[in-house]
Every structure is written in structure tokens, then in C-alpha cells.
Amino acid sequence: MSTIQVKTVSAEYPVHVGSGLLANLYEKLPKQRRFFVLTSPEIWGLWSKQFLASFPKDERPMTLFLPPGERHKRLTQVERLAAELSSVGADRSSLLIAFGGGIVGDLGGFLAAIYMRGIDYVQVPSTLLAQVDSSVGGKTGVNLVTGKNLIGSFHHPLAVYADIDLLQTLPDRELRAGLFESIKAGIIRDAELFEFMERNTGAILRRETEALEHVIGASIRMKADVVGMDERESGLRMILNFGHTLGHAIEAVTGYRRLLHGEAVGWGMIGALYLAQTRRTVSAEEAIRMNRLIHVMEALPRFKTSAEKLVEAAGHDKKNRTGVRRFILPAGIGNAKVVEDVTDAELLEAANWVLESARI
């Protein structure tokens, strides 16, 4: 097991990465608490026995369920779950365990942030995407019809337990979706991670433990470093949204049903790379390598919409300030920058390029 420390102005906590973490979870949690676990029926069906085995019978957590899918990442579910907590007497000393993918982690963190004005929680991410990205950094939230994560708060967990064993039951599609976030991490700030993924694609896709642990650890260290310097996304942290402007727009216009989040980010990165090439912020050779690594993770799902709808949806992006569109562009492998002068015409052209590539 390796441990990465996240240090921000408001919080400090460990992220543990390794095998067998679920079997020893109880001994790592703060005691003299009532435990509650938020999870999905699918994850609980696969892992409940292993999860509960570490808990004494008289301290086993009450289980709360969230249906799978982005369409359930809404305030109605938060209200329902908060009512369930209240009905069984959960108080400010209670501990919520968010056990699942990014949707469970985001919504669970938001529930913990607002229930009784804030209770403690820990993250036990079960997908690669959640382990390398969404479980770290303190962002929590739910979706609106008009856009993703438009309601939320910053609420850091007490700890994160990224158990690599959980990835062995992950569908291939979910694994690849998480890898796009790690590719993003390499492109924006960690050239060594990018090069490792280029050299070891086969081992990563075969889920070899050493390769996965390297990718997960490097991705988390990169994010922890950025979050430590810019906790509230006032500047540097915006680079973590590379691929997300068009990615979130794609998710919204397709009703959060056709693509997984990581897949939408993959298409968003392709659009951003097109724009970077037209602006010459990256060389042709670098763009080829970046596009190749994105595509080597196997075919991204196809979809169709209009470029105009994507541009309109991108207008709700949280990075935008006072009418100024903020867009993340790569400036070479391992480097990225925030630009504020991307025009509607440029974004429309990038959206058209994505749609041409994604045509069904």
C-alpha cells in the first residue's frame, strides 16, 4: 500500500492506494461513531460480504442505496437520503462512507456536506475514474437539467481508500473510461505518467496490479499537488478540467445516458486538441501522440447531436466568469494553460470536428 497526503488550506487527509484495503476498513475508521454506507445495488451485490466482514456485528453500518446513472445524481435523491438518515437518528457525530463510483462519491460528499450542516465522510471509490480523480480534492455536487455539478460544495473526506482489488470486477468499458482521466493527468501536468501509459498500455488494459497501481498513484499525486496549490479552483486547478468543457456538454445534450463521464471527457480532449492544433499551442507530433493514446484505449462510443447544441451547453460551464469563457488547452505533453479568448466560432469548429469523428 502507498499513501499520498492531500494538503490544502482547509483540510489534510490521506489517500491510501493498494490491495486488500476493504478487508481492513473498519480498523482504519474513527471509532465511537454510527456508520452509514451509501452505495449502489450493483456494488453492494458484488462486495457487501467483503465490506461488512471487517466490521463487528454490533457496529455494521446502515446501508443507503443510490440507483446507478447520472440521471439520479439530483437533489431529489439527496433529499430522500437525508430523510432516511434523519428517520434513523443520524446526528453530527455520524460517519458516512461513500462506497461506489464517481456518482456515489459526488452525491455522497454533498449529502455529508449539508446534512446537519456537515458530517464527516470517507471515500471508498470502486471505479478507476473515482480512484484517480473524483474521490480526491473535495468537490461534491449534483446535476441540474441545464448542466453537470451546478449545485455542490467543497467538502473534503477524512480519508480515501482506493482498493485496486475492486477494479477486477469492473467492466472493461468502465476501466477504459477511468483511463481517460489518467491520460488527462499526463497531458496537463505529468509527462512521465503519459509516457508510462504509452509504453504499458497492454499491461494496464490487462489490469496488471503493478501497472494499475503506478497509474493510480501518479494520477492522484498530480491532482493532490494541484489541489494543494489551488483548493477552490481560482486559478491553477482549472487545468484539471481539460476535456471537460465539451465533455460535460456532450453528457448534457445526450441526456447522461449514452456515454460514461470518462468517455465524454475523451471526446472533449479530442476537441480541445483540435483547437490546440489550430492555435499551435502544441506541435503536430505531440498532438499525434496525445490523440493516439486516447484512441488506443479502444473505440469511444459514437453519438450524434448538433454543434450548436454543444456550444450552447458549454455556455453553462462552471469555469466561465462574468461572460468570459475559460477553456483549457494543452501546451505540450505535461503542460496546459487556461485561455479566455476562445470564440464561439472556434468552439463551433472544434465541436464539428468531434461530431465528424463521432458520427454514428
Protein backbone atom coordinates (compact mmCIF):
# COMPACT_ATOMS: atom_id res chain seq x y z
CA MET A 1 0.00 0.00 0.00
CA SER A 2 1.12 3.53 -0.73
CA THR A 3 -0.24 6.66 0.93
CA ILE A 4 -0.50 10.06 -0.69
CA GLN A 5 -1.17 13.05 1.53
CA VAL A 6 -3.54 15.75 0.33
CA LYS A 7 -2.80 19.10 1.98
CA THR A 8 -4.97 22.16 1.37
CA VAL A 9 -5.66 25.36 3.27
CA SER A 10 -8.75 23.85 4.89
CA ALA A 11 -8.00 20.13 5.14
CA GLU A 12 -5.36 17.43 5.24
CA TYR A 13 -6.08 13.75 4.67
CA PRO A 14 -4.51 10.54 3.35
CA VAL A 15 -5.32 8.70 0.14
CA HIS A 16 -4.40 5.02 0.51
CA VAL A 17 -3.77 3.02 -2.68
CA GLY A 18 -3.25 -0.74 -2.70
CA SER A 19 -4.80 -4.19 -2.48
CA GLY A 20 -6.83 -5.62 0.40
CA LEU A 21 -7.92 -2.27 1.84
CA LEU A 22 -11.58 -3.30 2.06
CA ALA A 23 -10.76 -6.21 4.35
CA ASN A 24 -9.24 -3.86 6.95
CA LEU A 25 -11.53 -0.86 6.53
CA TYR A 26 -13.12 -0.85 9.99
CA GLU A 27 -9.83 -0.70 11.88
CA LYS A 28 -8.87 2.44 9.94
CA LEU A 29 -12.10 4.36 10.67
CA PRO A 30 -12.61 6.69 13.65
CA LYS A 31 -14.45 4.88 16.42
CA GLN A 32 -17.42 5.72 18.64
CA ARG A 33 -19.45 6.71 15.61
CA ARG A 34 -22.59 5.47 13.94
CA PHE A 35 -21.63 4.30 10.47
CA PHE A 36 -23.70 4.70 7.32
CA VAL A 37 -22.69 3.49 3.88
CA LEU A 38 -24.01 4.97 0.64
CA THR A 39 -23.59 2.65 -2.31
CA SER A 40 -25.28 1.30 -5.43
CA PRO A 41 -27.19 -2.01 -5.56
CA GLU A 42 -24.67 -3.38 -8.09
CA ILE A 43 -21.59 -2.61 -5.99
CA TRP A 44 -23.24 -3.88 -2.83
CA GLY A 45 -24.21 -7.12 -4.57
CA LEU A 46 -20.59 -7.72 -5.55
CA TRP A 47 -18.74 -6.56 -2.46
CA SER A 48 -21.05 -6.40 0.58
CA LYS A 49 -19.66 -9.56 2.20
CA GLN A 50 -16.08 -8.34 1.97
CA PHE A 51 -17.10 -4.83 3.06
CA LEU A 52 -19.03 -5.98 6.14
CA ALA A 53 -16.52 -8.66 7.16
CA SER A 54 -14.22 -6.12 8.81
CA PHE A 55 -17.00 -4.63 10.97
CA PRO A 56 -18.07 -6.07 14.34
CA LYS A 57 -21.65 -7.29 14.09
CA ASP A 58 -22.90 -4.63 16.51
CA GLU A 59 -21.22 -1.82 14.54
CA ARG A 60 -22.18 -2.69 11.00
CA PRO A 61 -23.31 0.35 9.03
CA MET A 62 -26.82 1.03 7.87
CA THR A 63 -26.91 0.84 4.07
CA LEU A 64 -28.32 3.60 1.86
CA PHE A 65 -28.78 2.98 -1.86
CA LEU A 66 -28.43 5.27 -4.85
CA PRO A 67 -29.67 4.00 -8.24
CA PRO A 68 -26.94 3.92 -10.93
CA GLY A 69 -26.61 6.57 -13.62
CA GLU A 70 -26.05 10.31 -13.95
CA ARG A 71 -29.80 10.92 -14.19
CA HIS A 72 -30.07 10.00 -10.50
CA LYS A 73 -27.39 12.47 -9.43
CA ARG A 74 -30.05 15.01 -8.49
CA LEU A 75 -31.33 16.95 -5.49
CA THR A 76 -34.37 14.69 -5.21
CA GLN A 77 -32.07 11.81 -4.29
CA VAL A 78 -30.19 13.96 -1.78
CA GLU A 79 -33.46 14.88 -0.06
CA ARG A 80 -34.59 11.25 0.03
CA LEU A 81 -31.30 10.07 1.51
CA ALA A 82 -31.18 12.90 4.06
CA ALA A 83 -34.69 11.95 5.17
CA GLU A 84 -33.55 8.34 5.61
CA LEU A 85 -30.62 9.48 7.74
CA SER A 86 -32.89 11.66 9.85
CA SER A 87 -35.50 8.95 10.31
CA VAL A 88 -32.97 6.62 11.96
CA GLY A 89 -31.40 9.31 14.13
CA ALA A 90 -28.16 10.06 12.31
CA ASP A 91 -26.52 13.05 14.02
CA ARG A 92 -23.45 15.24 13.63
CA SER A 93 -21.17 12.54 15.03
CA SER A 94 -22.22 10.05 12.34
CA LEU A 95 -19.80 8.94 9.62
CA LEU A 96 -20.91 8.41 6.03
CA ILE A 97 -18.93 6.00 3.85
CA ALA A 98 -19.31 6.70 0.13
CA PHE A 99 -18.69 3.28 -1.44
CA GLY A 100 -19.01 3.33 -5.22
CA GLY A 101 -18.13 5.19 -8.36
CA GLY A 102 -17.91 8.90 -9.02
CA ILE A 103 -21.66 9.49 -8.86
CA VAL A 104 -21.90 7.90 -5.41
CA GLY A 105 -18.83 9.83 -4.27
CA ASP A 106 -20.01 13.20 -5.58
CA LEU A 107 -23.54 12.90 -4.26
CA GLY A 108 -22.44 11.24 -1.02
CA GLY A 109 -19.94 14.01 -0.35
CA PHE A 110 -22.61 16.64 -0.99
CA LEU A 111 -25.04 14.83 1.31
CA ALA A 112 -22.36 14.80 4.03
CA ALA A 113 -21.63 18.48 3.44
CA ILE A 114 -25.21 19.62 4.00
CA TYR A 115 -26.75 17.08 6.39
CA MET A 116 -26.99 18.88 9.74
CA ARG A 117 -24.67 21.48 8.17
CA GLY A 118 -21.93 18.93 7.74
CA ILE A 119 -20.91 15.46 8.89
CA ASP A 120 -17.70 13.50 8.33
CA TYR A 121 -17.34 11.06 5.47
CA VAL A 122 -14.76 8.84 3.83
CA GLN A 123 -14.44 7.76 0.21
CA VAL A 124 -14.09 4.12 -0.85
CA PRO A 125 -14.06 4.53 -4.64
CA SER A 126 -14.93 1.38 -6.61
CA THR A 127 -14.17 2.55 -10.17
CA LEU A 128 -10.90 3.59 -11.73
CA LEU A 129 -12.29 7.01 -12.61
CA ALA A 130 -13.31 7.64 -9.00
CA GLN A 131 -9.97 6.40 -7.67
CA VAL A 132 -7.82 8.58 -9.93
CA ASP A 133 -9.98 11.69 -9.93
CA SER A 134 -13.35 12.35 -8.34
CA SER A 135 -12.65 10.94 -4.85
CA VAL A 136 -9.77 13.39 -4.32
CA GLY A 137 -9.98 17.15 -3.96
CA GLY A 138 -13.15 17.83 -2.00
CA LYS A 139 -15.51 18.67 -4.86
CA THR A 140 -19.03 17.40 -4.27
CA GLY A 141 -22.22 18.04 -6.16
CA VAL A 142 -25.30 17.09 -8.14
CA ASN A 143 -26.59 17.90 -11.61
CA LEU A 144 -29.25 20.23 -12.93
CA VAL A 145 -31.09 19.78 -16.22
CA THR A 146 -29.04 22.67 -17.57
CA GLY A 147 -25.64 21.25 -16.65
CA LYS A 148 -23.45 18.97 -14.61
CA ASN A 149 -22.44 19.60 -10.98
CA LEU A 150 -24.04 23.05 -10.94
CA ILE A 151 -25.11 22.55 -7.32
CA GLY A 152 -22.43 21.49 -4.87
CA SER A 153 -19.85 22.40 -2.28
CA PHE A 154 -16.26 21.78 -1.26
CA HIS A 155 -16.25 19.15 1.49
CA HIS A 156 -13.12 17.03 1.91
CA PRO A 157 -13.28 13.43 3.14
CA LEU A 158 -11.43 12.28 6.25
CA ALA A 159 -9.62 9.74 4.06
CA VAL A 160 -9.79 7.91 0.74
CA TYR A 161 -9.27 4.14 0.40
CA ALA A 162 -8.56 3.17 -3.23
CA ASP A 163 -8.58 -0.64 -3.23
CA ILE A 164 -7.20 -1.94 -6.53
CA ASP A 165 -8.91 -5.31 -5.96
CA LEU A 166 -12.25 -3.62 -6.60
CA LEU A 167 -11.20 -2.98 -10.20
CA GLN A 168 -11.10 -6.70 -11.03
CA THR A 169 -14.91 -6.82 -11.31
CA LEU A 170 -15.09 -3.54 -13.22
CA PRO A 171 -16.46 -3.90 -16.77
CA ASP A 172 -13.88 -3.20 -19.49
CA ARG A 173 -15.80 -0.14 -20.60
CA GLU A 174 -15.71 1.36 -17.08
CA LEU A 175 -11.98 0.67 -16.82
CA ARG A 176 -11.26 2.48 -20.09
CA ALA A 177 -13.48 5.38 -19.03
CA GLY A 178 -11.28 5.87 -15.98
CA LEU A 179 -8.12 5.71 -18.04
CA PHE A 180 -9.14 8.83 -19.95
CA GLU A 181 -8.87 10.79 -16.70
CA SER A 182 -5.35 9.44 -16.19
CA ILE A 183 -4.43 10.35 -19.77
CA LYS A 184 -5.73 13.82 -18.93
CA ALA A 185 -3.46 13.93 -15.87
CA GLY A 186 -0.47 13.05 -18.03
CA ILE A 187 -1.26 15.60 -20.71
CA ILE A 188 -1.79 18.54 -18.38
CA ARG A 189 0.97 18.05 -15.82
CA ASP A 190 2.80 14.71 -15.76
CA ALA A 191 4.77 13.81 -18.88
CA GLU A 192 6.28 10.77 -17.12
CA LEU A 193 2.79 9.36 -16.47
CA PHE A 194 1.85 9.96 -20.09
CA GLU A 195 4.96 8.15 -21.31
CA PHE A 196 4.36 5.27 -18.88
CA MET A 197 0.86 4.82 -20.28
CA GLU A 198 2.23 4.89 -23.82
CA ARG A 199 4.74 2.14 -23.01
CA ASN A 200 2.48 -0.02 -20.83
CA THR A 201 -0.93 0.16 -22.47
CA GLY A 202 -1.22 -3.63 -22.71
CA ALA A 203 -0.39 -4.23 -19.05
CA ILE A 204 -2.81 -1.52 -17.97
CA LEU A 205 -5.67 -2.93 -20.04
CA ARG A 206 -4.88 -6.42 -18.70
CA ARG A 207 -5.30 -4.95 -15.19
CA GLU A 208 -1.87 -5.96 -14.03
CA THR A 209 -1.61 -4.79 -10.43
CA GLU A 210 1.78 -3.08 -10.67
CA ALA A 211 0.80 -1.11 -13.76
CA LEU A 212 -2.57 -0.04 -12.33
CA GLU A 213 -1.03 0.97 -9.01
CA HIS A 214 1.52 3.14 -10.85
CA VAL A 215 -1.17 4.88 -12.93
CA ILE A 216 -3.50 5.41 -9.98
CA GLY A 217 -0.76 6.68 -7.67
CA ALA A 218 0.69 9.08 -10.25
CA SER A 219 -2.76 10.43 -11.15
CA ILE A 220 -3.61 11.07 -7.50
CA ARG A 221 -0.23 12.70 -6.76
CA MET A 222 -0.72 15.06 -9.68
CA LYS A 223 -4.18 16.05 -8.52
CA ALA A 224 -3.14 16.36 -4.87
CA ASP A 225 -0.32 18.68 -5.91
CA VAL A 226 -2.67 20.93 -7.92
CA VAL A 227 -5.41 20.96 -5.27
CA GLY A 228 -2.85 21.78 -2.61
CA MET A 229 -1.89 24.93 -4.51
CA ASP A 230 -5.42 25.94 -5.55
CA GLU A 231 -8.12 24.39 -3.40
CA ARG A 232 -11.10 26.42 -4.66
CA GLU A 233 -10.36 26.49 -8.39
CA SER A 234 -9.45 30.17 -8.56
CA GLY A 235 -6.61 29.55 -11.00
CA LEU A 236 -4.33 26.54 -11.47
CA ARG A 237 -6.95 23.92 -10.51
CA MET A 238 -8.89 24.82 -13.64
CA ILE A 239 -6.41 22.79 -15.69
CA LEU A 240 -7.98 19.65 -14.18
CA ASN A 241 -10.98 20.43 -16.38
CA PHE A 242 -9.08 19.70 -19.61
CA GLY A 243 -11.57 17.95 -21.88
CA HIS A 244 -14.48 18.74 -19.57
CA THR A 245 -15.93 21.81 -21.28
CA LEU A 246 -17.06 19.86 -24.34
CA GLY A 247 -17.22 16.64 -22.31
CA HIS A 248 -19.85 17.96 -19.93
CA ALA A 249 -21.72 19.48 -22.88
CA ILE A 250 -21.78 16.10 -24.63
CA GLU A 251 -23.13 14.43 -21.49
CA ALA A 252 -25.86 17.06 -21.14
CA VAL A 253 -27.11 17.01 -24.73
CA THR A 254 -27.17 13.20 -24.81
CA GLY A 255 -29.22 13.09 -21.60
CA TYR A 256 -26.46 11.49 -19.48
CA ARG A 257 -27.47 8.13 -20.95
CA ARG A 258 -25.23 7.35 -23.92
CA LEU A 259 -21.72 7.96 -22.62
CA LEU A 260 -19.89 7.41 -19.37
CA HIS A 261 -18.25 10.51 -17.91
CA GLY A 262 -14.73 9.41 -18.84
CA GLU A 263 -15.83 8.67 -22.40
CA ALA A 264 -17.32 12.15 -22.74
CA VAL A 265 -14.05 13.60 -21.41
CA GLY A 266 -12.20 11.54 -24.03
CA TRP A 267 -14.22 13.21 -26.80
CA GLY A 268 -13.77 16.56 -25.06
CA MET A 269 -10.00 16.13 -25.08
CA ILE A 270 -10.11 15.34 -28.80
CA GLY A 271 -12.00 18.59 -29.37
CA ALA A 272 -9.56 20.55 -27.22
CA LEU A 273 -6.60 19.01 -29.06
CA TYR A 274 -8.11 20.10 -32.37
CA LEU A 275 -8.36 23.64 -31.05
CA ALA A 276 -4.80 23.46 -29.68
CA GLN A 277 -3.53 22.43 -33.11
CA THR A 278 -5.33 25.28 -34.86
CA ARG A 279 -3.85 27.70 -32.32
CA ARG A 280 -0.45 25.97 -32.50
CA THR A 281 -0.09 25.59 -28.74
CA VAL A 282 1.10 22.01 -29.40
CA SER A 283 3.29 20.57 -32.12
CA ALA A 284 1.87 18.19 -34.71
CA GLU A 285 4.00 15.37 -33.27
CA GLU A 286 2.69 15.94 -29.74
CA ALA A 287 -0.91 16.12 -30.97
CA ILE A 288 -0.48 12.81 -32.80
CA ARG A 289 0.86 11.14 -29.64
CA MET A 290 -1.95 12.51 -27.49
CA ASN A 291 -4.66 11.51 -29.93
CA ARG A 292 -3.07 8.07 -30.37
CA LEU A 293 -3.09 7.36 -26.63
CA ILE A 294 -6.72 8.46 -26.32
CA HIS A 295 -7.76 6.17 -29.18
CA VAL A 296 -5.62 3.20 -28.15
CA MET A 297 -7.94 2.69 -25.18
CA GLU A 298 -10.35 1.32 -27.80
CA ALA A 299 -13.24 2.92 -29.63
CA LEU A 300 -15.12 5.72 -27.93
CA PRO A 301 -18.92 5.37 -28.15
CA ARG A 302 -20.46 7.16 -31.10
CA PHE A 303 -23.22 9.73 -30.66
CA LYS A 304 -24.94 12.43 -32.64
CA THR A 305 -26.24 15.89 -31.90
CA SER A 306 -25.56 19.33 -33.37
CA ALA A 307 -22.51 21.50 -32.87
CA GLU A 308 -24.82 24.39 -31.99
CA LYS A 309 -26.32 22.40 -29.11
CA LEU A 310 -22.86 21.56 -27.80
CA VAL A 311 -21.77 25.20 -27.87
CA GLU A 312 -24.98 26.24 -26.10
CA ALA A 313 -24.49 23.59 -23.41
CA ALA A 314 -20.87 24.64 -22.98
CA GLY A 315 -22.16 28.10 -22.08
CA HIS A 316 -23.22 26.70 -18.69
CA ASP A 317 -19.67 25.59 -17.83
CA LYS A 318 -18.70 26.46 -14.24
CA LYS A 319 -15.28 27.78 -15.33
CA ASN A 320 -16.93 30.70 -17.10
CA ARG A 321 -16.82 34.02 -15.23
CA THR A 322 -18.71 37.25 -16.00
CA GLY A 323 -19.44 36.13 -19.52
CA VAL A 324 -15.83 35.11 -20.23
CA ARG A 325 -15.35 31.54 -21.47
CA ARG A 326 -12.40 29.80 -19.83
CA PHE A 327 -11.02 26.88 -21.83
CA ILE A 328 -8.15 24.51 -21.07
CA LEU A 329 -5.65 23.87 -23.86
CA PRO A 330 -2.56 21.64 -23.78
CA ALA A 331 0.71 23.48 -24.24
CA GLY A 332 2.74 20.32 -24.77
CA ILE A 333 2.77 16.91 -23.10
CA GLY A 334 2.82 17.59 -19.36
CA ASN A 335 1.71 21.19 -19.63
CA ALA A 336 -1.59 23.03 -20.01
CA LYS A 337 -2.92 26.55 -19.78
CA VAL A 338 -6.20 28.38 -19.25
CA VAL A 339 -7.23 30.65 -22.11
CA GLU A 340 -10.01 33.21 -22.02
CA ASP A 341 -10.37 34.20 -25.65
CA VAL A 342 -11.89 31.11 -27.30
CA THR A 343 -14.60 32.41 -29.59
CA ASP A 344 -17.95 30.82 -30.38
CA ALA A 345 -16.69 30.26 -33.91
CA GLU A 346 -13.63 28.36 -32.67
CA LEU A 347 -15.68 26.28 -30.27
CA LEU A 348 -18.20 25.54 -33.00
CA GLU A 349 -15.39 24.36 -35.27
CA ALA A 350 -13.98 22.10 -32.53
CA ALA A 351 -17.47 20.73 -31.83
CA ASN A 352 -17.95 19.97 -35.51
CA TRP A 353 -14.63 18.13 -35.56
CA VAL A 354 -15.73 15.97 -32.61
CA LEU A 355 -19.11 15.25 -34.21
CA GLU A 356 -17.47 14.31 -37.51
CA SER A 357 -15.23 11.87 -35.62
CA ALA A 358 -18.14 10.55 -33.52
CA ARG A 359 -20.62 10.16 -36.37
CA ILE A 360 -22.73 7.00 -36.00
